[in-house]
Amino acid sequence: MRLLFLTHYFPPEVNAPATRTYEHCKRWVKAGHKITVLTCVPNAPNAKIFAGYRNKVIQKEIMDGITVIRLWSFIAANSRFFPRVINYVSSMLMMTLYVLFSKQRYDRLIATSPQFFTGWAGMVISIFRKKPFILEIRDIWPESILAVGAMKKSFIIKLLEKMEITMYKRADRIITVGNGYRDNIIQKGIPPEKISVITNGVDLDQFNPEKYAYS
């Protein structure tokens, strides 16, 4: 199967979203699937592009059998809210335009949060390409904006909430990391049978609890 995975973060970035997606994709490659990851130039969290990379329109590389396509985006540090939103939106637009105009071939599309606009890119692409769209939710957005006090309830938040619900409805399958996220989405009117819970795991080849346990 050909899988197209949309993610805002990917190694050599070392945050949780990048590592998690990378580990998933490595296992899918071993299982015989053809994996293409669409992402940004590595720069998180300090908005400094990693050595060996440039913020070009398109650049490709192969990592452990994974085809990684990195697209230009507006670079902004995590600490700056509105520039960061511009970063998210520019990434969404570039991902959408790349898939639609390059005629990227795939059988299933997966888009993961964070961040929210990556999921929106997956939704728009699925509408035009008419391919199954799987949405992975690991952060309830825009609720998380209100929770951390980055914004107050406003017209913009209401608009984002409508975009959120549209994205859930358009997804063929929603994957959440825990039951709390699943319940939150169900409360917004999404059918329970559309949502699966896949919790985080541990690679026992790299981490053996018994080996590191205190005696």
C-alpha atoms as a PDB file:
ATOM      1  CA  MET A   1       0.000   0.000   0.000  1.00  0.00           C
ATOM      2  CA  ARG A   2       1.149   3.541  -0.738  1.00  0.00           C
ATOM      3  CA  LEU A   3       0.714   5.804   2.294  1.00  0.00           C
ATOM      4  CA  LEU A   4       1.069   9.575   2.207  1.00  0.00           C
ATOM      5  CA  PHE A   5       1.685  11.000   5.684  1.00  0.00           C
ATOM      6  CA  LEU A   6       1.316  14.736   6.377  1.00  0.00           C
ATOM      7  CA  THR A   7       3.129  16.008   9.452  1.00  0.00           C
ATOM      8  CA  HIS A   8       4.474  19.401  10.497  1.00  0.00           C
ATOM      9  CA  TYR A   9       7.393  17.816  12.356  1.00  0.00           C
ATOM     10  CA  PHE A  10       9.834  15.083  11.354  1.00  0.00           C
ATOM     11  CA  PRO A  11      13.431  14.074  12.210  1.00  0.00           C
ATOM     12  CA  PRO A  12      16.047  15.360  12.613  1.00  0.00           C
ATOM     13  CA  GLU A  13      13.677  17.322  14.848  1.00  0.00           C
ATOM     14  CA  VAL A  14      13.456  15.463  18.138  1.00  0.00           C
ATOM     15  CA  ASN A  15      10.071  16.459  19.553  1.00  0.00           C
ATOM     16  CA  ALA A  16       7.341  13.906  20.262  1.00  0.00           C
ATOM     17  CA  PRO A  17       5.356  14.363  16.998  1.00  0.00           C
ATOM     18  CA  ALA A  18       8.494  13.946  14.869  1.00  0.00           C
ATOM     19  CA  THR A  19       9.723  10.861  16.715  1.00  0.00           C
ATOM     20  CA  ARG A  20       6.323   9.204  16.855  1.00  0.00           C
ATOM     21  CA  THR A  21       5.641   9.627  13.141  1.00  0.00           C
ATOM     22  CA  TYR A  22       9.142   8.452  12.242  1.00  0.00           C
ATOM     23  CA  GLU A  23       8.780   5.275  14.314  1.00  0.00           C
ATOM     24  CA  HIS A  24       5.384   4.518  12.767  1.00  0.00           C
ATOM     25  CA  CYS A  25       6.689   5.014   9.244  1.00  0.00           C
ATOM     26  CA  LYS A  26       9.750   2.810   9.816  1.00  0.00           C
ATOM     27  CA  ARG A  27       7.508  -0.063  10.850  1.00  0.00           C
ATOM     28  CA  TRP A  28       5.194   0.410   7.887  1.00  0.00           C
ATOM     29  CA  VAL A  29       8.195   0.284   5.563  1.00  0.00           C
ATOM     30  CA  LYS A  30       9.306  -2.986   7.195  1.00  0.00           C
ATOM     31  CA  ALA A  31       5.783  -4.312   6.664  1.00  0.00           C
ATOM     32  CA  GLY A  32       6.196  -3.727   2.916  1.00  0.00           C
ATOM     33  CA  HIS A  33       4.333  -0.456   2.453  1.00  0.00           C
ATOM     34  CA  LYS A  34       5.590   2.476   0.402  1.00  0.00           C
ATOM     35  CA  ILE A  35       5.690   5.534   2.663  1.00  0.00           C
ATOM     36  CA  THR A  36       5.952   9.175   1.610  1.00  0.00           C
ATOM     37  CA  VAL A  37       6.117  11.862   4.296  1.00  0.00           C
ATOM     38  CA  LEU A  38       5.226  15.444   3.465  1.00  0.00           C
ATOM     39  CA  THR A  39       6.696  17.877   5.991  1.00  0.00           C
ATOM     40  CA  CYS A  40       8.614  21.119   6.588  1.00  0.00           C
ATOM     41  CA  VAL A  41      12.298  21.957   6.732  1.00  0.00           C
ATOM     42  CA  PRO A  42      13.503  20.956  10.233  1.00  0.00           C
ATOM     43  CA  ASN A  43      13.654  24.045  12.427  1.00  0.00           C
ATOM     44  CA  ALA A  44      11.751  23.391  15.670  1.00  0.00           C
ATOM     45  CA  PRO A  45      11.748  24.623  18.352  1.00  0.00           C
ATOM     46  CA  ASN A  46      13.994  27.659  17.843  1.00  0.00           C
ATOM     47  CA  ALA A  47      13.149  28.534  14.221  1.00  0.00           C
ATOM     48  CA  LYS A  48      16.736  27.727  13.213  1.00  0.00           C
ATOM     49  CA  ILE A  49      17.056  25.556  10.133  1.00  0.00           C
ATOM     50  CA  PHE A  50      19.113  22.447  10.848  1.00  0.00           C
ATOM     51  CA  ALA A  51      22.542  22.029   9.259  1.00  0.00           C
ATOM     52  CA  GLY A  52      22.422  20.527   5.794  1.00  0.00           C
ATOM     53  CA  TYR A  53      18.964  21.904   4.978  1.00  0.00           C
ATOM     54  CA  ARG A  54      17.674  25.015   3.238  1.00  0.00           C
ATOM     55  CA  ASN A  55      14.184  26.436   3.200  1.00  0.00           C
ATOM     56  CA  LYS A  56      13.717  25.644  -0.478  1.00  0.00           C
ATOM     57  CA  VAL A  57      10.397  25.157  -2.251  1.00  0.00           C
ATOM     58  CA  ILE A  58      10.918  21.388  -2.522  1.00  0.00           C
ATOM     59  CA  GLN A  59      13.670  19.058  -1.355  1.00  0.00           C
ATOM     60  CA  LYS A  60      13.620  15.267  -1.121  1.00  0.00           C
ATOM     61  CA  GLU A  61      15.541  12.662   0.821  1.00  0.00           C
ATOM     62  CA  ILE A  62      15.295   9.003   1.837  1.00  0.00           C
ATOM     63  CA  MET A  63      15.367   8.075   5.528  1.00  0.00           C
ATOM     64  CA  ASP A  64      15.270   4.356   6.401  1.00  0.00           C
ATOM     65  CA  GLY A  65      13.263   3.629   3.267  1.00  0.00           C
ATOM     66  CA  ILE A  66      10.872   6.544   3.860  1.00  0.00           C
ATOM     67  CA  THR A  67      10.576   9.112   1.076  1.00  0.00           C
ATOM     68  CA  VAL A  68      10.633  12.487   2.798  1.00  0.00           C
ATOM     69  CA  ILE A  69       9.498  15.562   0.867  1.00  0.00           C
ATOM     70  CA  ARG A  70      10.207  18.846   2.622  1.00  0.00           C
ATOM     71  CA  LEU A  71       8.381  21.965   1.499  1.00  0.00           C
ATOM     72  CA  TRP A  72       8.967  25.650   2.059  1.00  0.00           C
ATOM     73  CA  SER A  73       7.159  27.322   4.946  1.00  0.00           C
ATOM     74  CA  PHE A  74       7.336  30.622   6.799  1.00  0.00           C
ATOM     75  CA  ILE A  75       9.729  29.939   9.680  1.00  0.00           C
ATOM     76  CA  ALA A  76       8.719  31.132  13.155  1.00  0.00           C
ATOM     77  CA  ALA A  77       9.650  30.157  16.708  1.00  0.00           C
ATOM     78  CA  ASN A  78       7.131  28.351  18.920  1.00  0.00           C
ATOM     79  CA  SER A  79       7.208  31.234  21.396  1.00  0.00           C
ATOM     80  CA  ARG A  80       5.676  33.727  18.938  1.00  0.00           C
ATOM     81  CA  PHE A  81       1.954  32.977  18.540  1.00  0.00           C
ATOM     82  CA  PHE A  82       0.804  34.870  15.447  1.00  0.00           C
ATOM     83  CA  PRO A  83       3.996  34.288  13.400  1.00  0.00           C
ATOM     84  CA  ARG A  84       3.609  30.628  14.326  1.00  0.00           C
ATOM     85  CA  VAL A  85       0.060  30.606  12.942  1.00  0.00           C
ATOM     86  CA  ILE A  86       1.438  32.032   9.688  1.00  0.00           C
ATOM     87  CA  ASN A  87       3.963  29.198   9.727  1.00  0.00           C
ATOM     88  CA  TYR A  88       1.138  26.674  10.103  1.00  0.00           C
ATOM     89  CA  VAL A  89      -0.982  28.198   7.351  1.00  0.00           C
ATOM     90  CA  SER A  90       1.925  28.452   4.901  1.00  0.00           C
ATOM     91  CA  SER A  91       2.730  24.803   5.525  1.00  0.00           C
ATOM     92  CA  MET A  92      -0.910  23.832   4.935  1.00  0.00           C
ATOM     93  CA  LEU A  93      -1.005  25.694   1.625  1.00  0.00           C
ATOM     94  CA  MET A  94       2.286  24.230   0.405  1.00  0.00           C
ATOM     95  CA  MET A  95       1.265  20.660   1.263  1.00  0.00           C
ATOM     96  CA  THR A  96      -2.078  21.066  -0.469  1.00  0.00           C
ATOM     97  CA  LEU A  97      -0.638  22.657  -3.596  1.00  0.00           C
ATOM     98  CA  TYR A  98       2.185  20.129  -3.836  1.00  0.00           C
ATOM     99  CA  VAL A  99      -0.107  17.092  -3.763  1.00  0.00           C
ATOM    100  CA  LEU A 100      -2.669  18.579  -6.140  1.00  0.00           C
ATOM    101  CA  PHE A 101      -0.206  19.852  -8.736  1.00  0.00           C
ATOM    102  CA  SER A 102       2.467  17.146  -8.501  1.00  0.00           C
ATOM    103  CA  LYS A 103      -0.146  14.393  -8.795  1.00  0.00           C
ATOM    104  CA  GLN A 104       1.487  12.554  -5.916  1.00  0.00           C
ATOM    105  CA  ARG A 105       0.319   8.930  -6.026  1.00  0.00           C
ATOM    106  CA  TYR A 106      -1.007   7.267  -2.884  1.00  0.00           C
ATOM    107  CA  ASP A 107      -3.741   4.889  -1.658  1.00  0.00           C
ATOM    108  CA  ARG A 108      -4.334   6.321   1.813  1.00  0.00           C
ATOM    109  CA  LEU A 109      -3.601   9.751   3.277  1.00  0.00           C
ATOM    110  CA  ILE A 110      -2.851  10.282   6.969  1.00  0.00           C
ATOM    111  CA  ALA A 111      -2.608  13.744   8.527  1.00  0.00           C
ATOM    112  CA  THR A 112      -1.547  14.211  12.129  1.00  0.00           C
ATOM    113  CA  SER A 113      -1.873  16.905  14.756  1.00  0.00           C
ATOM    114  CA  PRO A 114      -0.246  18.853  16.116  1.00  0.00           C
ATOM    115  CA  GLN A 115      -0.738  21.088  14.295  1.00  0.00           C
ATOM    116  CA  PHE A 116      -4.366  21.680  13.333  1.00  0.00           C
ATOM    117  CA  PHE A 117      -3.765  23.025   9.823  1.00  0.00           C
ATOM    118  CA  THR A 118      -1.948  19.844   8.761  1.00  0.00           C
ATOM    119  CA  GLY A 119      -5.234  18.030   9.261  1.00  0.00           C
ATOM    120  CA  TRP A 120      -7.018  20.707   7.265  1.00  0.00           C
ATOM    121  CA  ALA A 121      -4.541  20.177   4.400  1.00  0.00           C
ATOM    122  CA  GLY A 122      -5.314  16.467   4.478  1.00  0.00           C
ATOM    123  CA  MET A 123      -9.024  17.188   4.319  1.00  0.00           C
ATOM    124  CA  VAL A 124      -8.746  19.543   1.330  1.00  0.00           C
ATOM    125  CA  ILE A 125      -6.497  17.118  -0.533  1.00  0.00           C
ATOM    126  CA  SER A 126      -8.913  14.244   0.087  1.00  0.00           C
ATOM    127  CA  ILE A 127     -11.807  16.254  -1.356  1.00  0.00           C
ATOM    128  CA  PHE A 128      -9.983  16.893  -4.627  1.00  0.00           C
ATOM    129  CA  ARG A 129      -8.216  13.543  -4.908  1.00  0.00           C
ATOM    130  CA  LYS A 130     -11.156  11.458  -3.633  1.00  0.00           C
ATOM    131  CA  LYS A 131      -8.916   9.168  -1.585  1.00  0.00           C
ATOM    132  CA  PRO A 132      -9.500   7.899   1.978  1.00  0.00           C
ATOM    133  CA  PHE A 133      -8.452  10.403   4.632  1.00  0.00           C
ATOM    134  CA  ILE A 134      -7.289   9.281   8.096  1.00  0.00           C
ATOM    135  CA  LEU A 135      -7.004  12.011  10.726  1.00  0.00           C
ATOM    136  CA  GLU A 136      -4.763  11.440  13.743  1.00  0.00           C
ATOM    137  CA  ILE A 137      -5.681  13.652  16.716  1.00  0.00           C
ATOM    138  CA  ARG A 138      -3.126  14.143  19.484  1.00  0.00           C
ATOM    139  CA  ASP A 139      -4.152  17.659  20.465  1.00  0.00           C
ATOM    140  CA  ILE A 140      -7.679  19.111  20.601  1.00  0.00           C
ATOM    141  CA  TRP A 141      -7.379  22.403  18.739  1.00  0.00           C
ATOM    142  CA  PRO A 142      -8.481  25.215  19.012  1.00  0.00           C
ATOM    143  CA  GLU A 143      -9.496  24.310  22.579  1.00  0.00           C
ATOM    144  CA  SER A 144      -5.830  24.050  23.537  1.00  0.00           C
ATOM    145  CA  ILE A 145      -5.339  27.711  22.510  1.00  0.00           C
ATOM    146  CA  LEU A 146      -7.964  28.784  25.028  1.00  0.00           C
ATOM    147  CA  ALA A 147      -6.604  26.414  27.677  1.00  0.00           C
ATOM    148  CA  VAL A 148      -3.126  27.970  27.638  1.00  0.00           C
ATOM    149  CA  GLY A 149      -4.499  31.513  27.435  1.00  0.00           C
ATOM    150  CA  ALA A 150      -2.973  32.293  24.039  1.00  0.00           C
ATOM    151  CA  MET A 151      -6.314  33.686  22.834  1.00  0.00           C
ATOM    152  CA  LYS A 152      -9.715  34.516  24.273  1.00  0.00           C
ATOM    153  CA  LYS A 153     -13.064  33.413  22.902  1.00  0.00           C
ATOM    154  CA  SER A 154     -13.618  35.424  19.738  1.00  0.00           C
ATOM    155  CA  PHE A 155     -14.854  35.329  16.167  1.00  0.00           C
ATOM    156  CA  ILE A 156     -11.558  33.737  15.112  1.00  0.00           C
ATOM    157  CA  ILE A 157     -11.915  30.962  17.672  1.00  0.00           C
ATOM    158  CA  LYS A 158     -15.505  30.319  16.563  1.00  0.00           C
ATOM    159  CA  LEU A 159     -14.322  30.110  12.947  1.00  0.00           C
ATOM    160  CA  LEU A 160     -11.578  27.666  13.898  1.00  0.00           C
ATOM    161  CA  GLU A 161     -14.098  25.564  15.822  1.00  0.00           C
ATOM    162  CA  LYS A 162     -16.263  25.319  12.700  1.00  0.00           C
ATOM    163  CA  MET A 163     -13.190  24.318  10.699  1.00  0.00           C
ATOM    164  CA  GLU A 164     -12.422  21.679  13.349  1.00  0.00           C
ATOM    165  CA  ILE A 165     -15.877  20.097  13.098  1.00  0.00           C
ATOM    166  CA  THR A 166     -15.773  20.143   9.292  1.00  0.00           C
ATOM    167  CA  MET A 167     -12.435  18.346   9.387  1.00  0.00           C
ATOM    168  CA  TYR A 168     -13.816  15.652  11.711  1.00  0.00           C
ATOM    169  CA  LYS A 169     -16.855  15.117   9.524  1.00  0.00           C
ATOM    170  CA  ARG A 170     -14.809  14.856   6.339  1.00  0.00           C
ATOM    171  CA  ALA A 171     -12.339  12.322   7.745  1.00  0.00           C
ATOM    172  CA  ASP A 172     -13.000   8.694   6.841  1.00  0.00           C
ATOM    173  CA  ARG A 173     -11.416   7.565  10.112  1.00  0.00           C
ATOM    174  CA  ILE A 174     -10.233   9.463  13.200  1.00  0.00           C
ATOM    175  CA  ILE A 175      -7.457   8.076  15.405  1.00  0.00           C
ATOM    176  CA  THR A 176      -7.025   9.464  18.916  1.00  0.00           C
ATOM    177  CA  VAL A 177      -4.254   8.819  21.434  1.00  0.00           C
ATOM    178  CA  GLY A 178      -6.633   8.359  24.369  1.00  0.00           C
ATOM    179  CA  ASN A 179     -10.253   7.894  25.394  1.00  0.00           C
ATOM    180  CA  GLY A 180     -10.515  11.484  26.637  1.00  0.00           C
ATOM    181  CA  TYR A 181      -9.832  12.836  23.154  1.00  0.00           C
ATOM    182  CA  ARG A 182     -12.304  10.353  21.710  1.00  0.00           C
ATOM    183  CA  ASP A 183     -15.029  11.408  24.158  1.00  0.00           C
ATOM    184  CA  ASN A 184     -14.342  15.087  23.406  1.00  0.00           C
ATOM    185  CA  ILE A 185     -14.843  14.532  19.679  1.00  0.00           C
ATOM    186  CA  ILE A 186     -17.979  12.426  20.218  1.00  0.00           C
ATOM    187  CA  GLN A 187     -19.485  15.271  22.276  1.00  0.00           C
ATOM    188  CA  LYS A 188     -19.121  17.454  19.188  1.00  0.00           C
ATOM    189  CA  GLY A 189     -21.476  15.225  17.225  1.00  0.00           C
ATOM    190  CA  ILE A 190     -19.038  12.831  15.534  1.00  0.00           C
ATOM    191  CA  PRO A 191     -20.235   9.177  15.405  1.00  0.00           C
ATOM    192  CA  PRO A 192     -18.342   6.945  17.875  1.00  0.00           C
ATOM    193  CA  GLU A 193     -17.886   4.202  15.283  1.00  0.00           C
ATOM    194  CA  LYS A 194     -15.796   6.593  13.207  1.00  0.00           C
ATOM    195  CA  ILE A 195     -13.178   6.984  15.955  1.00  0.00           C
ATOM    196  CA  SER A 196     -10.483   4.525  17.039  1.00  0.00           C
ATOM    197  CA  VAL A 197      -8.200   4.854  20.052  1.00  0.00           C
ATOM    198  CA  ILE A 198      -4.552   3.857  19.612  1.00  0.00           C
ATOM    199  CA  THR A 199      -2.504   4.712  22.673  1.00  0.00           C
ATOM    200  CA  ASN A 200       1.205   5.452  22.765  1.00  0.00           C
ATOM    201  CA  GLY A 201       3.537   2.468  23.070  1.00  0.00           C
ATOM    202  CA  VAL A 202       7.130   1.581  23.840  1.00  0.00           C
ATOM    203  CA  ASP A 203       9.730  -0.030  21.587  1.00  0.00           C
ATOM    204  CA  LEU A 204      10.917  -2.887  23.798  1.00  0.00           C
ATOM    205  CA  ASP A 205      13.957  -3.398  21.566  1.00  0.00           C
ATOM    206  CA  GLN A 206      15.217  -0.015  22.754  1.00  0.00           C
ATOM    207  CA  PHE A 207      13.725   0.175  26.237  1.00  0.00           C
ATOM    208  CA  ASN A 208      13.432  -2.777  28.597  1.00  0.00           C
ATOM    209  CA  PRO A 209      11.783  -1.813  31.909  1.00  0.00           C
ATOM    210  CA  GLU A 210      13.309  -4.814  33.712  1.00  0.00           C
ATOM    211  CA  LYS A 211      16.819  -3.805  32.637  1.00  0.00           C
ATOM    212  CA  TYR A 212      16.478  -0.319  34.147  1.00  0.00           C
ATOM    213  CA  ALA A 213      14.384  -1.220  37.185  1.00  0.00           C
ATOM    214  CA  TYR A 214      15.834  -0.516  40.603  1.00  0.00           C
ATOM    215  CA  SER A 215      16.778  -3.641  42.528  1.00  0.00           C
END
